[in-house]
């Protein structure tokens, strides 16, 4: 499942939240953009062996809109 929501700018920057549920661990791929290193296996190694799916949330601060 994927759920996307937007929060308008107030005293903090506007944000977009992306919630992901029941995502396959075996297909997980994460890249450290500072180094270009694929950190997927390092993250997967921290997940207990009996866990096949995970849930996570991504929050993105959106730039101010230019009018």
PDB file of N, CA and C in Angstrom:
ATOM      1  N   UNK A   1       0.843  -1.174   0.000  1.00  0.00           N
ATOM      2  CA  UNK A   1       0.000   0.000   0.000  1.00  0.00           C
ATOM      3  C   UNK A   1       0.883   1.230   0.000  1.00  0.00           C
ATOM      4  N   UNK A   2       0.434   2.263  -0.678  1.00  0.00           N
ATOM      5  CA  UNK A   2       1.128   3.541  -0.668  1.00  0.00           C
ATOM      6  C   UNK A   2       0.104   4.635  -0.400  1.00  0.00           C
ATOM      7  N   UNK A   3       0.476   5.569   0.469  1.00  0.00           N
ATOM      8  CA  UNK A   3      -0.400   6.686   0.815  1.00  0.00           C
ATOM      9  C   UNK A   3       0.443   7.958   0.745  1.00  0.00           C
ATOM     10  N   UNK A   4      -0.050   8.966   0.040  1.00  0.00           N
ATOM     11  CA  UNK A   4       0.675  10.228  -0.107  1.00  0.00           C
ATOM     12  C   UNK A   4      -0.198  11.360   0.413  1.00  0.00           C
ATOM     13  N   UNK A   5       0.395  12.220   1.257  1.00  0.00           N
ATOM     14  CA  UNK A   5      -0.345  13.377   1.769  1.00  0.00           C
ATOM     15  C   UNK A   5       0.546  14.605   1.699  1.00  0.00           C
ATOM     16  N   UNK A   6      -0.082  15.764   1.546  1.00  0.00           N
ATOM     17  CA  UNK A   6       0.631  17.036   1.487  1.00  0.00           C
ATOM     18  C   UNK A   6       0.213  17.907   2.662  1.00  0.00           C
ATOM     19  N   UNK A   7       1.176  18.644   3.215  1.00  0.00           N
ATOM     20  CA  UNK A   7       0.924  19.596   4.283  1.00  0.00           C
ATOM     21  C   UNK A   7       1.353  20.968   3.793  1.00  0.00           C
ATOM     22  N   UNK A   8       0.462  21.933   3.887  1.00  0.00           N
ATOM     23  CA  UNK A   8       0.769  23.286   3.425  1.00  0.00           C
ATOM     24  C   UNK A   8       1.808  23.960   4.313  1.00  0.00           C
ATOM     25  N   UNK A   9       2.507  24.926   3.754  1.00  0.00           N
ATOM     26  CA  UNK A   9       3.500  25.697   4.498  1.00  0.00           C
ATOM     27  C   UNK A   9       2.801  26.588   5.516  1.00  0.00           C
ATOM     28  N   UNK A  10       3.320  26.603   6.729  1.00  0.00           N
ATOM     29  CA  UNK A  10       2.806  27.471   7.793  1.00  0.00           C
ATOM     30  C   UNK A  10       4.032  28.160   8.373  1.00  0.00           C
ATOM     31  N   UNK A  11       4.410  27.834   9.598  1.00  0.00           N
ATOM     32  CA  UNK A  11       5.655  28.368  10.152  1.00  0.00           C
ATOM     33  C   UNK A  11       6.831  27.457   9.795  1.00  0.00           C
ATOM     34  N   UNK A  12       6.533  26.261   9.326  1.00  0.00           N
ATOM     35  CA  UNK A  12       7.556  25.325   8.855  1.00  0.00           C
ATOM     36  C   UNK A  12       7.355  25.120   7.361  1.00  0.00           C
ATOM     37  N   UNK A  13       8.339  24.596   6.665  1.00  0.00           N
ATOM     38  CA  UNK A  13       8.176  24.366   5.224  1.00  0.00           C
ATOM     39  C   UNK A  13       7.045  23.383   4.931  1.00  0.00           C
ATOM     40  N   UNK A  14       6.454  23.513   3.758  1.00  0.00           N
ATOM     41  CA  UNK A  14       5.457  22.540   3.320  1.00  0.00           C
ATOM     42  C   UNK A  14       6.127  21.178   3.233  1.00  0.00           C
ATOM     43  N   UNK A  15       5.365  20.114   3.463  1.00  0.00           N
ATOM     44  CA  UNK A  15       5.922  18.764   3.452  1.00  0.00           C
ATOM     45  C   UNK A  15       5.030  17.829   2.665  1.00  0.00           C
ATOM     46  N   UNK A  16       5.645  16.791   2.154  1.00  0.00           N
ATOM     47  CA  UNK A  16       4.917  15.694   1.527  1.00  0.00           C
ATOM     48  C   UNK A  16       5.311  14.433   2.283  1.00  0.00           C
ATOM     49  N   UNK A  17       4.324  13.658   2.724  1.00  0.00           N
ATOM     50  CA  UNK A  17       4.567  12.388   3.410  1.00  0.00           C
ATOM     51  C   UNK A  17       4.168  11.248   2.491  1.00  0.00           C
ATOM     52  N   UNK A  18       5.025  10.256   2.390  1.00  0.00           N
ATOM     53  CA  UNK A  18       4.749   9.059   1.603  1.00  0.00           C
ATOM     54  C   UNK A  18       4.862   7.877   2.553  1.00  0.00           C
ATOM     55  N   UNK A  19       3.759   7.177   2.770  1.00  0.00           N
ATOM     56  CA  UNK A  19       3.756   6.012   3.653  1.00  0.00           C
ATOM     57  C   UNK A  19       3.724   4.752   2.799  1.00  0.00           C
ATOM     58  N   UNK A  20       4.643   3.846   3.068  1.00  0.00           N
ATOM     59  CA  UNK A  20       4.717   2.584   2.341  1.00  0.00           C
ATOM     60  C   UNK A  20       4.513   1.451   3.329  1.00  0.00           C
ATOM     61  N   UNK A  21       3.617   0.535   2.995  1.00  0.00           N
ATOM     62  CA  UNK A  21       3.329  -0.594   3.881  1.00  0.00           C
ATOM     63  C   UNK A  21       3.451  -1.895   3.104  1.00  0.00           C
ATOM     64  N   UNK A  22       3.889  -2.923   3.816  1.00  0.00           N
ATOM     65  CA  UNK A  22       4.047  -4.268   3.241  1.00  0.00           C
ATOM     66  C   UNK A  22       4.971  -4.266   2.027  1.00  0.00           C
ATOM     67  N   UNK A  23       6.137  -3.648   2.189  1.00  0.00           N
ATOM     68  CA  UNK A  23       7.138  -3.588   1.125  1.00  0.00           C
ATOM     69  C   UNK A  23       8.089  -4.771   1.298  1.00  0.00           C
ATOM     70  N   UNK A  24       8.371  -5.468   0.218  1.00  0.00           N
ATOM     71  CA  UNK A  24       9.239  -6.636   0.269  1.00  0.00           C
ATOM     72  C   UNK A  24      10.655  -6.236   0.662  1.00  0.00           C
ATOM     73  N   UNK A  25      11.186  -6.885   1.679  1.00  0.00           N
ATOM     74  CA  UNK A  25      12.555  -6.617   2.122  1.00  0.00           C
ATOM     75  C   UNK A  25      13.555  -7.086   1.075  1.00  0.00           C
ATOM     76  N   UNK A  26      13.270  -8.195   0.406  1.00  0.00           N
ATOM     77  CA  UNK A  26      14.235  -8.749  -0.549  1.00  0.00           C
ATOM     78  C   UNK A  26      14.437  -7.827  -1.755  1.00  0.00           C
ATOM     79  N   UNK A  27      13.488  -6.977  -2.057  1.00  0.00           N
ATOM     80  CA  UNK A  27      13.604  -6.078  -3.205  1.00  0.00           C
ATOM     81  C   UNK A  27      14.026  -4.666  -2.806  1.00  0.00           C
ATOM     82  N   UNK A  28      14.345  -4.473  -1.531  1.00  0.00           N
ATOM     83  CA  UNK A  28      14.693  -3.152  -1.029  1.00  0.00           C
ATOM     84  C   UNK A  28      16.032  -2.704  -1.599  1.00  0.00           C
ATOM     85  N   UNK A  29      16.093  -1.458  -2.092  1.00  0.00           N
ATOM     86  CA  UNK A  29      17.352  -0.905  -2.596  1.00  0.00           C
ATOM     87  C   UNK A  29      17.476   0.531  -2.125  1.00  0.00           C
ATOM     88  N   UNK A  30      18.542   0.819  -1.391  1.00  0.00           N
ATOM     89  CA  UNK A  30      18.787   2.153  -0.853  1.00  0.00           C
ATOM     90  C   UNK A  30      20.200   2.578  -1.232  1.00  0.00           C
ATOM     91  N   UNK A  31      20.326   3.800  -1.747  1.00  0.00           N
ATOM     92  CA  UNK A  31      21.626   4.325  -2.170  1.00  0.00           C
ATOM     93  C   UNK A  31      21.942   5.567  -1.353  1.00  0.00           C
ATOM     94  N   UNK A  32      23.146   5.629  -0.773  1.00  0.00           N
ATOM     95  CA  UNK A  32      23.617   6.824  -0.072  1.00  0.00           C
ATOM     96  C   UNK A  32      24.065   7.811  -1.149  1.00  0.00           C
ATOM     97  N   UNK A  33      23.344   8.912  -1.309  1.00  0.00           N
ATOM     98  CA  UNK A  33      23.657   9.844  -2.391  1.00  0.00           C
ATOM     99  C   UNK A  33      24.943  10.631  -2.150  1.00  0.00           C
ATOM    100  N   UNK A  34      25.421  10.679  -0.919  1.00  0.00           N
ATOM    101  CA  UNK A  34      26.696  11.351  -0.650  1.00  0.00           C
ATOM    102  C   UNK A  34      27.879  10.541  -1.180  1.00  0.00           C
ATOM    103  N   UNK A  35      27.783   9.222  -1.063  1.00  0.00           N
ATOM    104  CA  UNK A  35      28.901   8.360  -1.455  1.00  0.00           C
ATOM    105  C   UNK A  35      28.618   7.532  -2.697  1.00  0.00           C
ATOM    106  N   UNK A  36      27.341   7.397  -3.086  1.00  0.00           N
ATOM    107  CA  UNK A  36      26.962   6.535  -4.203  1.00  0.00           C
ATOM    108  C   UNK A  36      26.919   5.061  -3.805  1.00  0.00           C
ATOM    109  N   UNK A  37      27.177   4.768  -2.531  1.00  0.00           N
ATOM    110  CA  UNK A  37      27.219   3.405  -2.039  1.00  0.00           C
ATOM    111  C   UNK A  37      25.810   2.835  -1.897  1.00  0.00           C
ATOM    112  N   UNK A  38      25.647   1.596  -2.331  1.00  0.00           N
ATOM    113  CA  UNK A  38      24.391   0.875  -2.126  1.00  0.00           C
ATOM    114  C   UNK A  38      24.405   0.359  -0.689  1.00  0.00           C
ATOM    115  N   UNK A  39      23.521   0.893   0.158  1.00  0.00           N
ATOM    116  CA  UNK A  39      23.479   0.514   1.569  1.00  0.00           C
ATOM    117  C   UNK A  39      22.345  -0.470   1.862  1.00  0.00           C
ATOM    118  N   UNK A  40      21.739  -0.999   0.809  1.00  0.00           N
ATOM    119  CA  UNK A  40      20.592  -1.892   0.960  1.00  0.00           C
ATOM    120  C   UNK A  40      20.898  -3.079   1.859  1.00  0.00           C
ATOM    121  N   UNK A  41      22.001  -3.779   1.588  1.00  0.00           N
ATOM    122  CA  UNK A  41      22.299  -4.987   2.356  1.00  0.00           C
ATOM    123  C   UNK A  41      22.573  -4.651   3.813  1.00  0.00           C
ATOM    124  N   UNK A  42      23.220  -3.531   4.062  1.00  0.00           N
ATOM    125  CA  UNK A  42      23.484  -3.108   5.447  1.00  0.00           C
ATOM    126  C   UNK A  42      22.174  -2.906   6.210  1.00  0.00           C
ATOM    127  N   UNK A  43      21.189  -2.281   5.544  1.00  0.00           N
ATOM    128  CA  UNK A  43      19.883  -2.069   6.175  1.00  0.00           C
ATOM    129  C   UNK A  43      19.164  -3.406   6.357  1.00  0.00           C
ATOM    130  N   UNK A  44      19.171  -4.236   5.323  1.00  0.00           N
ATOM    131  CA  UNK A  44      18.505  -5.544   5.393  1.00  0.00           C
ATOM    132  C   UNK A  44      19.104  -6.393   6.507  1.00  0.00           C
ATOM    133  N   UNK A  45      20.415  -6.323   6.704  1.00  0.00           N
ATOM    134  CA  UNK A  45      21.072  -7.105   7.752  1.00  0.00           C
ATOM    135  C   UNK A  45      20.587  -6.731   9.147  1.00  0.00           C
ATOM    136  N   UNK A  46      20.083  -5.518   9.325  1.00  0.00           N
ATOM    137  CA  UNK A  46      19.580  -5.071  10.624  1.00  0.00           C
ATOM    138  C   UNK A  46      18.141  -5.504  10.872  1.00  0.00           C
ATOM    139  N   UNK A  47      17.470  -6.032   9.858  1.00  0.00           N
ATOM    140  CA  UNK A  47      16.087  -6.490   9.982  1.00  0.00           C
ATOM    141  C   UNK A  47      16.113  -7.964  10.389  1.00  0.00           C
ATOM    142  N   UNK A  48      15.371  -8.347  11.445  1.00  0.00           N
ATOM    143  CA  UNK A  48      15.359  -9.754  11.864  1.00  0.00           C
ATOM    144  C   UNK A  48      14.984 -10.695  10.714  1.00  0.00           C
ATOM    145  N   UNK A  49      15.589 -11.878  10.690  1.00  0.00           N
ATOM    146  CA  UNK A  49      15.404 -12.838   9.594  1.00  0.00           C
ATOM    147  C   UNK A  49      13.947 -13.210   9.344  1.00  0.00           C
ATOM    148  N   UNK A  50      13.137 -13.253  10.399  1.00  0.00           N
ATOM    149  CA  UNK A  50      11.741 -13.690  10.220  1.00  0.00           C
ATOM    150  C   UNK A  50      10.847 -12.603   9.620  1.00  0.00           C
ATOM    151  N   UNK A  51      11.378 -11.417   9.405  1.00  0.00           N
ATOM    152  CA  UNK A  51      10.604 -10.309   8.834  1.00  0.00           C
ATOM    153  C   UNK A  51      10.771 -10.304   7.318  1.00  0.00           C
ATOM    154  N   UNK A  52       9.640 -10.425   6.584  1.00  0.00           N
ATOM    155  CA  UNK A  52       9.673 -10.441   5.124  1.00  0.00           C
ATOM    156  C   UNK A  52       9.223  -9.123   4.513  1.00  0.00           C
ATOM    157  N   UNK A  53       8.403  -8.362   5.247  1.00  0.00           N
ATOM    158  CA  UNK A  53       7.905  -7.093   4.730  1.00  0.00           C
ATOM    159  C   UNK A  53       8.087  -6.011   5.782  1.00  0.00           C
ATOM    160  N   UNK A  54       8.200  -4.772   5.325  1.00  0.00           N
ATOM    161  CA  UNK A  54       8.390  -3.649   6.235  1.00  0.00           C
ATOM    162  C   UNK A  54       7.457  -2.506   5.850  1.00  0.00           C
ATOM    163  N   UNK A  55       7.287  -1.566   6.769  1.00  0.00           N
ATOM    164  CA  UNK A  55       6.543  -0.335   6.541  1.00  0.00           C
ATOM    165  C   UNK A  55       7.503   0.817   6.820  1.00  0.00           C
ATOM    166  N   UNK A  56       7.415   1.882   6.047  1.00  0.00           N
ATOM    167  CA  UNK A  56       8.194   3.056   6.372  1.00  0.00           C
ATOM    168  C   UNK A  56       7.541   4.300   5.815  1.00  0.00           C
ATOM    169  N   UNK A  57       8.006   5.450   6.298  1.00  0.00           N
ATOM    170  CA  UNK A  57       7.428   6.739   5.938  1.00  0.00           C
ATOM    171  C   UNK A  57       8.551   7.650   5.459  1.00  0.00           C
ATOM    172  N   UNK A  58       8.317   8.336   4.363  1.00  0.00           N
ATOM    173  CA  UNK A  58       9.268   9.291   3.810  1.00  0.00           C
ATOM    174  C   UNK A  58       8.658  10.673   3.953  1.00  0.00           C
ATOM    175  N   UNK A  59       9.399  11.616   4.516  1.00  0.00           N
ATOM    176  CA  UNK A  59       8.934  12.994   4.626  1.00  0.00           C
ATOM    177  C   UNK A  59       9.873  13.883   3.838  1.00  0.00           C
ATOM    178  N   UNK A  60       9.306  14.701   2.962  1.00  0.00           N
ATOM    179  CA  UNK A  60      10.074  15.592   2.096  1.00  0.00           C
ATOM    180  C   UNK A  60       9.662  17.023   2.389  1.00  0.00           C
ATOM    181  N   UNK A  61      10.631  17.901   2.690  1.00  0.00           N
ATOM    182  CA  UNK A  61      10.327  19.320   2.828  1.00  0.00           C
ATOM    183  C   UNK A  61      10.292  19.927   1.434  1.00  0.00           C
ATOM    184  N   UNK A  62       9.184  20.587   1.120  1.00  0.00           N
ATOM    185  CA  UNK A  62       8.996  21.170  -0.207  1.00  0.00           C
ATOM    186  C   UNK A  62       9.491  22.617  -0.214  1.00  0.00           C
ATOM    187  N   UNK A  63      10.079  23.065  -1.324  1.00  0.00           N
ATOM    188  CA  UNK A  63      10.509  24.457  -1.404  1.00  0.00           C
ATOM    189  C   UNK A  63       9.294  25.376  -1.461  1.00  0.00           C
ATOM    190  N   UNK A  64       9.499  26.640  -1.028  1.00  0.00           N
ATOM    191  CA  UNK A  64       8.425  27.623  -1.125  1.00  0.00           C
ATOM    192  C   UNK A  64       8.054  27.821  -2.583  1.00  0.00           C
ATOM    193  N   UNK A  65       6.754  27.961  -2.837  1.00  0.00           N
ATOM    194  CA  UNK A  65       6.291  28.183  -4.200  1.00  0.00           C
ATOM    195  C   UNK A  65       6.565  29.636  -4.592  1.00  0.00           C
ATOM    196  N   UNK A  66       7.013  29.811  -5.830  1.00  0.00           N
ATOM    197  CA  UNK A  66       7.253  31.155  -6.353  1.00  0.00           C
ATOM    198  C   UNK A  66       5.961  31.631  -7.003  1.00  0.00           C
ATOM    199  N   UNK A  67       5.516  32.840  -6.608  1.00  0.00           N
ATOM    200  CA  UNK A  67       4.256  33.346  -7.167  1.00  0.00           C
ATOM    201  C   UNK A  67       4.505  34.400  -8.207  1.00  0.00           C
TER     202      UNK A  67
END
